[in-house]
N, C-alpha and C. Protein backbone atom coordinates (compact mmCIF):
# COMPACT_ATOMS: atom_id res chain seq x y z
N UNK A 1 -32.78 5.06 6.09
CA UNK A 1 -32.43 6.26 6.81
C UNK A 1 -31.62 7.19 5.94
N UNK A 2 -31.39 8.34 6.48
CA UNK A 2 -30.62 9.36 5.78
C UNK A 2 -29.13 9.05 5.83
N UNK A 3 -28.44 9.48 4.81
CA UNK A 3 -26.99 9.33 4.75
C UNK A 3 -26.40 10.69 4.42
N UNK A 4 -25.43 11.12 5.22
CA UNK A 4 -24.80 12.42 5.00
C UNK A 4 -23.31 12.23 4.81
N UNK A 5 -22.76 12.98 3.88
CA UNK A 5 -21.32 13.00 3.69
C UNK A 5 -20.86 14.40 4.05
N UNK A 6 -20.09 14.49 5.13
CA UNK A 6 -19.59 15.79 5.58
C UNK A 6 -18.38 15.54 6.47
N UNK A 7 -17.64 16.59 6.71
CA UNK A 7 -16.48 16.45 7.60
C UNK A 7 -16.94 16.52 9.05
N UNK A 8 -16.14 16.00 9.93
CA UNK A 8 -16.47 16.05 11.36
C UNK A 8 -16.45 17.48 11.88
N UNK A 9 -15.70 18.34 11.22
CA UNK A 9 -15.60 19.73 11.65
C UNK A 9 -16.80 20.57 11.21
N UNK A 10 -17.50 20.12 10.19
CA UNK A 10 -18.64 20.87 9.62
C UNK A 10 -19.77 19.90 9.31
N UNK A 11 -20.53 19.53 10.32
CA UNK A 11 -21.62 18.58 10.13
C UNK A 11 -22.95 19.33 9.95
N UNK A 12 -22.92 20.36 9.11
CA UNK A 12 -24.08 21.23 8.90
C UNK A 12 -25.36 20.48 8.53
N UNK A 13 -25.31 19.40 7.72
CA UNK A 13 -26.56 18.72 7.37
C UNK A 13 -27.25 18.02 8.54
N UNK A 14 -26.52 17.78 9.63
CA UNK A 14 -27.09 17.05 10.76
C UNK A 14 -27.78 18.01 11.73
N UNK A 15 -28.94 17.57 12.23
CA UNK A 15 -29.75 18.39 13.13
C UNK A 15 -29.07 18.58 14.48
N UNK A 16 -29.21 19.77 15.02
CA UNK A 16 -28.70 20.06 16.36
C UNK A 16 -29.54 19.35 17.41
N UNK A 17 -28.88 18.84 18.45
CA UNK A 17 -29.56 18.21 19.57
C UNK A 17 -30.45 17.05 19.21
N UNK A 18 -30.07 16.27 18.22
CA UNK A 18 -30.93 15.23 17.67
C UNK A 18 -30.47 13.81 18.01
N UNK A 19 -29.19 13.57 18.16
CA UNK A 19 -28.65 12.21 18.24
C UNK A 19 -28.38 11.79 19.69
N UNK A 20 -28.72 10.54 19.99
CA UNK A 20 -28.47 9.95 21.31
C UNK A 20 -27.04 9.44 21.43
N UNK A 21 -26.47 8.98 20.31
CA UNK A 21 -25.18 8.31 20.34
C UNK A 21 -24.39 8.61 19.07
N UNK A 22 -23.13 8.86 19.26
CA UNK A 22 -22.18 9.00 18.14
C UNK A 22 -21.07 8.01 18.40
N UNK A 23 -20.67 7.29 17.37
CA UNK A 23 -19.57 6.34 17.48
C UNK A 23 -18.57 6.60 16.37
N UNK A 24 -17.30 6.61 16.72
CA UNK A 24 -16.27 6.71 15.70
C UNK A 24 -15.17 5.70 16.01
N UNK A 25 -14.63 5.10 14.98
CA UNK A 25 -13.61 4.08 15.12
C UNK A 25 -12.34 4.54 14.42
N UNK A 26 -11.37 4.95 15.20
CA UNK A 26 -10.08 5.42 14.71
C UNK A 26 -10.26 6.53 13.65
N UNK A 27 -10.98 7.57 14.05
CA UNK A 27 -11.22 8.73 13.19
C UNK A 27 -10.61 9.99 13.79
N UNK A 28 -10.79 10.21 15.09
CA UNK A 28 -10.42 11.48 15.72
C UNK A 28 -8.95 11.85 15.50
N UNK A 29 -8.08 10.87 15.44
CA UNK A 29 -6.66 11.18 15.27
C UNK A 29 -6.34 11.77 13.90
N UNK A 30 -7.26 11.67 12.95
CA UNK A 30 -7.04 12.17 11.59
C UNK A 30 -7.68 13.53 11.32
N UNK A 31 -8.45 14.04 12.25
CA UNK A 31 -9.22 15.27 12.03
C UNK A 31 -8.31 16.48 12.13
N UNK A 32 -8.40 17.34 11.13
CA UNK A 32 -7.53 18.51 11.06
C UNK A 32 -7.84 19.53 12.16
N UNK A 33 -9.12 19.87 12.34
CA UNK A 33 -9.52 20.85 13.36
C UNK A 33 -10.34 20.11 14.42
N UNK A 34 -9.64 19.52 15.36
CA UNK A 34 -10.29 18.69 16.38
C UNK A 34 -11.20 19.50 17.29
N UNK A 35 -10.85 20.75 17.57
CA UNK A 35 -11.71 21.58 18.41
C UNK A 35 -13.06 21.82 17.73
N UNK A 36 -13.04 22.08 16.43
CA UNK A 36 -14.30 22.27 15.69
C UNK A 36 -15.11 20.98 15.67
N UNK A 37 -14.45 19.85 15.52
CA UNK A 37 -15.16 18.56 15.52
C UNK A 37 -15.81 18.30 16.88
N UNK A 38 -15.10 18.60 17.96
CA UNK A 38 -15.67 18.41 19.30
C UNK A 38 -16.89 19.31 19.49
N UNK A 39 -16.83 20.55 19.00
CA UNK A 39 -17.99 21.46 19.10
C UNK A 39 -19.16 20.93 18.29
N UNK A 40 -18.89 20.37 17.11
CA UNK A 40 -19.96 19.81 16.27
C UNK A 40 -20.59 18.58 16.92
N UNK A 41 -19.77 17.74 17.52
CA UNK A 41 -20.29 16.57 18.22
C UNK A 41 -21.21 17.03 19.34
N UNK A 42 -20.77 18.03 20.09
CA UNK A 42 -21.60 18.58 21.17
C UNK A 42 -22.90 19.14 20.59
N UNK A 43 -22.83 19.83 19.49
CA UNK A 43 -24.01 20.46 18.89
C UNK A 43 -25.05 19.44 18.47
N UNK A 44 -24.65 18.35 17.85
CA UNK A 44 -25.64 17.42 17.29
C UNK A 44 -26.18 16.40 18.30
N UNK A 45 -25.49 16.25 19.45
CA UNK A 45 -25.98 15.33 20.46
C UNK A 45 -27.15 15.93 21.24
N UNK A 46 -28.08 15.07 21.63
CA UNK A 46 -29.13 15.46 22.56
C UNK A 46 -28.50 15.70 23.93
N UNK A 47 -29.15 16.46 24.80
CA UNK A 47 -28.66 16.53 26.18
C UNK A 47 -28.60 15.11 26.77
N UNK A 48 -27.46 14.79 27.37
CA UNK A 48 -27.25 13.44 27.89
C UNK A 48 -26.74 12.46 26.85
N UNK A 49 -26.60 12.91 25.58
CA UNK A 49 -26.11 12.04 24.51
C UNK A 49 -24.67 11.63 24.72
N UNK A 50 -24.33 10.47 24.21
CA UNK A 50 -23.02 9.85 24.43
C UNK A 50 -22.22 9.82 23.13
N UNK A 51 -20.92 10.05 23.27
CA UNK A 51 -19.97 9.92 22.16
C UNK A 51 -18.96 8.84 22.56
N UNK A 52 -18.89 7.76 21.78
CA UNK A 52 -17.97 6.64 22.03
C UNK A 52 -16.97 6.60 20.89
N UNK A 53 -15.69 6.66 21.23
CA UNK A 53 -14.65 6.69 20.20
C UNK A 53 -13.55 5.67 20.51
N UNK A 54 -13.19 4.89 19.51
CA UNK A 54 -11.98 4.06 19.58
C UNK A 54 -10.87 4.93 19.01
N UNK A 55 -9.78 5.06 19.76
CA UNK A 55 -8.68 5.92 19.34
C UNK A 55 -7.35 5.27 19.70
N UNK A 56 -6.27 5.67 19.02
CA UNK A 56 -4.95 5.22 19.46
C UNK A 56 -4.44 6.12 20.59
N UNK A 57 -3.64 5.54 21.45
CA UNK A 57 -2.93 6.31 22.48
C UNK A 57 -1.58 6.69 21.89
N UNK A 58 -1.39 7.95 21.49
CA UNK A 58 -0.12 8.32 20.85
C UNK A 58 1.09 8.20 21.76
N UNK A 59 0.88 8.03 23.05
CA UNK A 59 2.00 7.87 23.99
C UNK A 59 2.44 6.40 24.12
N UNK A 60 1.62 5.47 23.63
CA UNK A 60 1.98 4.05 23.69
C UNK A 60 3.20 3.80 22.80
N UNK A 61 4.10 2.93 23.24
CA UNK A 61 5.32 2.70 22.45
C UNK A 61 5.07 2.35 20.99
N UNK A 62 4.09 1.47 20.71
CA UNK A 62 3.89 1.07 19.32
C UNK A 62 3.45 2.24 18.43
N UNK A 63 2.68 3.16 18.98
CA UNK A 63 2.23 4.30 18.17
C UNK A 63 3.30 5.39 18.12
N UNK A 64 4.10 5.51 19.17
CA UNK A 64 5.23 6.45 19.12
C UNK A 64 6.24 5.99 18.06
N UNK A 65 6.49 4.68 18.01
CA UNK A 65 7.40 4.13 17.00
C UNK A 65 6.79 4.28 15.61
N UNK A 66 5.49 4.07 15.50
CA UNK A 66 4.82 4.16 14.19
C UNK A 66 5.01 5.52 13.53
N UNK A 67 5.10 6.57 14.33
CA UNK A 67 5.32 7.92 13.77
C UNK A 67 6.60 8.01 12.97
N UNK A 68 7.59 7.18 13.34
CA UNK A 68 8.91 7.26 12.71
C UNK A 68 9.20 6.07 11.79
N UNK A 69 8.17 5.29 11.51
CA UNK A 69 8.33 4.11 10.66
C UNK A 69 7.82 4.43 9.26
N UNK A 70 8.57 4.07 8.23
CA UNK A 70 8.13 4.38 6.86
C UNK A 70 6.84 3.65 6.47
N UNK A 71 6.09 4.27 5.59
CA UNK A 71 4.81 3.74 5.14
C UNK A 71 4.97 2.34 4.54
N UNK A 72 6.06 2.09 3.81
CA UNK A 72 6.24 0.77 3.20
C UNK A 72 6.27 -0.33 4.27
N UNK A 73 6.81 -0.02 5.46
CA UNK A 73 6.86 -1.02 6.53
C UNK A 73 5.46 -1.32 7.05
N UNK A 74 4.64 -0.27 7.24
CA UNK A 74 3.26 -0.47 7.68
C UNK A 74 2.50 -1.35 6.68
N UNK A 75 2.72 -1.08 5.40
CA UNK A 75 2.03 -1.87 4.37
C UNK A 75 2.51 -3.32 4.37
N UNK A 76 3.78 -3.53 4.61
CA UNK A 76 4.32 -4.89 4.68
C UNK A 76 3.67 -5.64 5.85
N UNK A 77 3.66 -5.03 7.00
CA UNK A 77 3.11 -5.67 8.20
C UNK A 77 1.60 -5.90 8.07
N UNK A 78 0.90 -4.96 7.47
CA UNK A 78 -0.56 -5.04 7.37
C UNK A 78 -1.02 -5.79 6.11
N UNK A 79 -0.12 -6.33 5.34
CA UNK A 79 -0.51 -7.12 4.17
C UNK A 79 -0.99 -6.29 3.00
N UNK A 80 -0.41 -5.12 2.83
CA UNK A 80 -0.75 -4.27 1.68
C UNK A 80 -1.45 -2.99 2.07
N UNK A 81 -2.28 -3.04 3.11
CA UNK A 81 -2.92 -1.80 3.54
C UNK A 81 -1.98 -1.08 4.49
N UNK A 82 -2.12 0.18 4.56
CA UNK A 82 -1.29 0.98 5.46
C UNK A 82 -1.60 2.44 5.23
N UNK A 83 -1.23 3.25 6.14
CA UNK A 83 -1.56 4.68 6.06
C UNK A 83 -0.49 5.44 6.81
N UNK A 84 -0.37 6.70 6.47
CA UNK A 84 0.58 7.56 7.18
C UNK A 84 0.09 7.75 8.61
N UNK A 85 1.00 7.74 9.54
CA UNK A 85 0.66 7.90 10.94
C UNK A 85 0.50 9.38 11.26
N UNK A 86 -0.64 9.73 11.84
CA UNK A 86 -0.93 11.12 12.20
C UNK A 86 -1.77 11.11 13.47
N UNK A 87 -1.47 12.01 14.39
CA UNK A 87 -2.26 12.15 15.61
C UNK A 87 -2.64 13.61 15.75
N UNK A 88 -3.94 13.88 15.81
CA UNK A 88 -4.44 15.25 15.95
C UNK A 88 -4.35 15.74 17.39
N UNK A 89 -3.97 14.87 18.30
CA UNK A 89 -3.86 15.23 19.72
C UNK A 89 -2.56 14.62 20.25
N UNK A 90 -1.98 15.25 21.25
CA UNK A 90 -0.70 14.80 21.78
C UNK A 90 -0.84 13.66 22.77
N UNK A 91 -2.00 13.58 23.43
CA UNK A 91 -2.23 12.54 24.43
C UNK A 91 -3.74 12.36 24.60
N UNK A 92 -4.12 11.28 25.24
CA UNK A 92 -5.54 11.03 25.51
C UNK A 92 -6.05 12.11 26.46
N UNK A 93 -5.23 12.51 27.41
CA UNK A 93 -5.61 13.59 28.33
C UNK A 93 -5.88 14.89 27.57
N UNK A 94 -5.03 15.22 26.62
CA UNK A 94 -5.21 16.43 25.82
C UNK A 94 -6.49 16.36 25.00
N UNK A 95 -6.83 15.17 24.49
CA UNK A 95 -8.08 14.99 23.75
C UNK A 95 -9.26 15.25 24.68
N UNK A 96 -9.21 14.71 25.90
CA UNK A 96 -10.26 14.94 26.88
C UNK A 96 -10.44 16.41 27.19
N UNK A 97 -9.34 17.14 27.27
CA UNK A 97 -9.41 18.59 27.54
C UNK A 97 -10.09 19.33 26.39
N UNK A 98 -9.84 18.91 25.17
CA UNK A 98 -10.49 19.54 24.01
C UNK A 98 -12.00 19.30 24.05
N UNK A 99 -12.40 18.07 24.37
CA UNK A 99 -13.83 17.77 24.45
C UNK A 99 -14.48 18.51 25.61
N UNK A 100 -13.76 18.67 26.73
CA UNK A 100 -14.29 19.41 27.87
C UNK A 100 -14.53 20.88 27.49
N UNK A 101 -13.60 21.47 26.75
CA UNK A 101 -13.78 22.87 26.29
C UNK A 101 -15.01 23.00 25.39
N UNK A 102 -15.37 21.94 24.71
CA UNK A 102 -16.55 21.96 23.83
C UNK A 102 -17.84 21.70 24.61
N UNK A 103 -17.73 21.43 25.91
CA UNK A 103 -18.92 21.20 26.72
C UNK A 103 -19.24 19.75 26.98
N UNK A 104 -18.32 18.86 26.67
CA UNK A 104 -18.55 17.44 26.90
C UNK A 104 -17.96 17.03 28.25
N UNK A 105 -18.61 16.07 28.90
CA UNK A 105 -18.15 15.56 30.20
C UNK A 105 -17.55 14.18 30.02
N UNK A 106 -16.46 13.88 30.74
CA UNK A 106 -15.89 12.53 30.64
C UNK A 106 -16.83 11.50 31.26
N UNK A 107 -16.89 10.34 30.64
CA UNK A 107 -17.66 9.21 31.17
C UNK A 107 -16.70 8.09 31.54
N UNK A 108 -15.88 7.69 30.58
CA UNK A 108 -14.94 6.59 30.82
C UNK A 108 -13.83 6.64 29.79
N UNK A 109 -12.64 6.30 30.23
CA UNK A 109 -11.50 6.13 29.33
C UNK A 109 -10.86 4.80 29.71
N UNK A 110 -10.91 3.85 28.79
CA UNK A 110 -10.36 2.51 29.03
C UNK A 110 -9.21 2.26 28.06
N UNK A 111 -8.14 1.68 28.58
CA UNK A 111 -6.96 1.39 27.78
C UNK A 111 -6.83 -0.11 27.58
N UNK A 112 -6.41 -0.51 26.37
CA UNK A 112 -6.22 -1.92 26.02
C UNK A 112 -4.94 -2.06 25.22
N UNK A 113 -4.16 -3.12 25.46
CA UNK A 113 -2.96 -3.34 24.66
C UNK A 113 -3.32 -3.79 23.24
N UNK A 114 -2.42 -3.54 22.28
CA UNK A 114 -2.77 -3.83 20.89
C UNK A 114 -1.63 -4.31 20.00
N UNK A 115 -0.52 -4.66 20.56
CA UNK A 115 0.64 -5.02 19.72
C UNK A 115 0.43 -6.33 18.98
N UNK A 116 -0.15 -7.34 19.64
CA UNK A 116 -0.32 -8.65 19.01
C UNK A 116 -1.09 -8.55 17.70
N UNK A 117 -2.17 -7.81 17.68
CA UNK A 117 -2.99 -7.74 16.47
C UNK A 117 -2.26 -7.06 15.32
N UNK A 118 -1.36 -6.14 15.63
CA UNK A 118 -0.63 -5.47 14.56
C UNK A 118 0.29 -6.44 13.82
N UNK A 119 0.85 -7.38 14.55
CA UNK A 119 1.80 -8.33 13.96
C UNK A 119 1.17 -9.70 13.68
N UNK A 120 -0.13 -9.75 13.48
CA UNK A 120 -0.83 -11.02 13.31
C UNK A 120 -0.33 -11.88 12.16
N UNK A 121 0.29 -11.28 11.16
CA UNK A 121 0.76 -12.05 10.00
C UNK A 121 2.10 -12.75 10.21
N UNK A 122 2.79 -12.44 11.31
CA UNK A 122 4.13 -12.97 11.54
C UNK A 122 4.15 -13.71 12.88
N UNK A 123 4.26 -15.03 12.84
CA UNK A 123 4.09 -15.88 14.03
C UNK A 123 4.96 -15.44 15.20
N UNK A 124 6.25 -15.26 14.99
CA UNK A 124 7.14 -14.91 16.09
C UNK A 124 6.81 -13.52 16.64
N UNK A 125 6.63 -12.56 15.75
CA UNK A 125 6.29 -11.21 16.21
C UNK A 125 4.93 -11.18 16.88
N UNK A 126 3.99 -11.95 16.36
CA UNK A 126 2.66 -12.04 16.98
C UNK A 126 2.78 -12.58 18.40
N UNK A 127 3.60 -13.63 18.58
CA UNK A 127 3.80 -14.22 19.90
C UNK A 127 4.45 -13.21 20.84
N UNK A 128 5.48 -12.51 20.37
CA UNK A 128 6.13 -11.48 21.19
C UNK A 128 5.16 -10.36 21.52
N UNK A 129 4.33 -9.99 20.55
CA UNK A 129 3.31 -8.98 20.79
C UNK A 129 2.29 -9.43 21.83
N UNK A 130 1.90 -10.70 21.78
CA UNK A 130 0.97 -11.24 22.77
C UNK A 130 1.58 -11.21 24.16
N UNK A 131 2.85 -11.51 24.25
CA UNK A 131 3.56 -11.47 25.53
C UNK A 131 3.59 -10.03 26.06
N UNK A 132 3.94 -9.10 25.19
CA UNK A 132 3.97 -7.68 25.58
C UNK A 132 2.57 -7.23 26.04
N UNK A 133 1.54 -7.58 25.28
CA UNK A 133 0.18 -7.20 25.64
C UNK A 133 -0.21 -7.79 27.00
N UNK A 134 0.16 -9.05 27.24
CA UNK A 134 -0.14 -9.67 28.52
C UNK A 134 0.55 -8.93 29.66
N UNK A 135 1.81 -8.59 29.45
CA UNK A 135 2.55 -7.85 30.48
C UNK A 135 1.89 -6.50 30.78
N UNK A 136 1.41 -5.83 29.75
CA UNK A 136 0.74 -4.54 29.95
C UNK A 136 -0.56 -4.72 30.72
N UNK A 137 -1.31 -5.78 30.39
CA UNK A 137 -2.58 -6.04 31.09
C UNK A 137 -2.36 -6.34 32.57
N UNK A 138 -1.41 -7.22 32.87
CA UNK A 138 -1.22 -7.62 34.27
C UNK A 138 -0.53 -6.54 35.09
N UNK A 139 0.24 -5.67 34.44
CA UNK A 139 0.93 -4.61 35.18
C UNK A 139 0.09 -3.33 35.25
N UNK A 140 -0.99 -3.27 34.48
CA UNK A 140 -1.91 -2.11 34.49
C UNK A 140 -1.20 -0.80 34.14
N UNK A 141 -0.27 -0.86 33.21
CA UNK A 141 0.43 0.35 32.78
C UNK A 141 -0.36 0.97 31.63
N UNK A 142 -1.36 1.77 31.96
CA UNK A 142 -2.27 2.32 30.96
C UNK A 142 -1.54 3.17 29.92
N UNK A 143 -0.56 3.92 30.34
CA UNK A 143 0.14 4.80 29.41
C UNK A 143 0.86 4.08 28.30
N UNK A 144 1.09 2.78 28.47
CA UNK A 144 1.79 2.01 27.45
C UNK A 144 0.84 1.13 26.64
N UNK A 145 -0.46 1.25 26.89
CA UNK A 145 -1.44 0.48 26.13
C UNK A 145 -1.94 1.32 24.96
N UNK A 146 -2.00 0.71 23.78
CA UNK A 146 -2.24 1.46 22.56
C UNK A 146 -3.67 1.74 22.17
N UNK A 147 -4.61 0.86 22.52
CA UNK A 147 -6.01 1.08 22.14
C UNK A 147 -6.75 1.75 23.28
N UNK A 148 -7.61 2.70 22.93
CA UNK A 148 -8.34 3.43 23.95
C UNK A 148 -9.81 3.51 23.53
N UNK A 149 -10.68 3.26 24.51
CA UNK A 149 -12.11 3.53 24.33
C UNK A 149 -12.39 4.80 25.11
N UNK A 150 -12.71 5.88 24.39
CA UNK A 150 -12.86 7.22 24.94
C UNK A 150 -14.35 7.56 24.89
N UNK A 151 -14.97 7.75 26.05
CA UNK A 151 -16.42 7.99 26.12
C UNK A 151 -16.68 9.31 26.82
N UNK A 152 -17.45 10.17 26.17
CA UNK A 152 -17.87 11.45 26.76
C UNK A 152 -19.36 11.62 26.56
N UNK A 153 -19.94 12.59 27.26
CA UNK A 153 -21.36 12.85 27.07
C UNK A 153 -21.64 14.35 27.14
N UNK A 154 -22.70 14.72 26.51
CA UNK A 154 -23.19 16.09 26.59
C UNK A 154 -23.99 16.19 27.88
N UNK A 155 -23.77 17.25 28.64
CA UNK A 155 -24.49 17.38 29.92
C UNK A 155 -25.99 17.38 29.67
N UNK A 156 -26.73 16.91 30.66
CA UNK A 156 -28.18 16.80 30.54
C UNK A 156 -28.86 18.17 30.55
N UNK A 157 -28.14 19.18 30.92
CA UNK A 157 -28.59 20.59 30.96
C UNK A 157 -29.84 20.69 31.71
């Protein structure tokens, strides 16, 4: 198949109205012009096409704390890999509003806790993270859950 290298804001090589499905995994939070990216996603999807994105919830405590944590700490916890924390949207709701302005309709937004996996290298912290994640799951406090599956679709027109 074809392979294209382009930014999400300018997907000029991709055909309009051609794709049934777009998937991104922790990408949207890094995009500089998120409104342009949402318009491009809308442009390249077929009518009824689906966009599925894994994203962080910037309102979740772990991601709010991550904004103020030095990069060296992220690299220590992640075993050498790490990246600067950046969110192109203030909340999951705000992201949904941007996609709606681009002509996308909400399908589903699911929240999942994620603290345990972040601390997987440290037994005690991993256990505390698992406890926190369990508490979030049983209490259904979506605003405090860090992982989000964000699904939208282009109207069937």
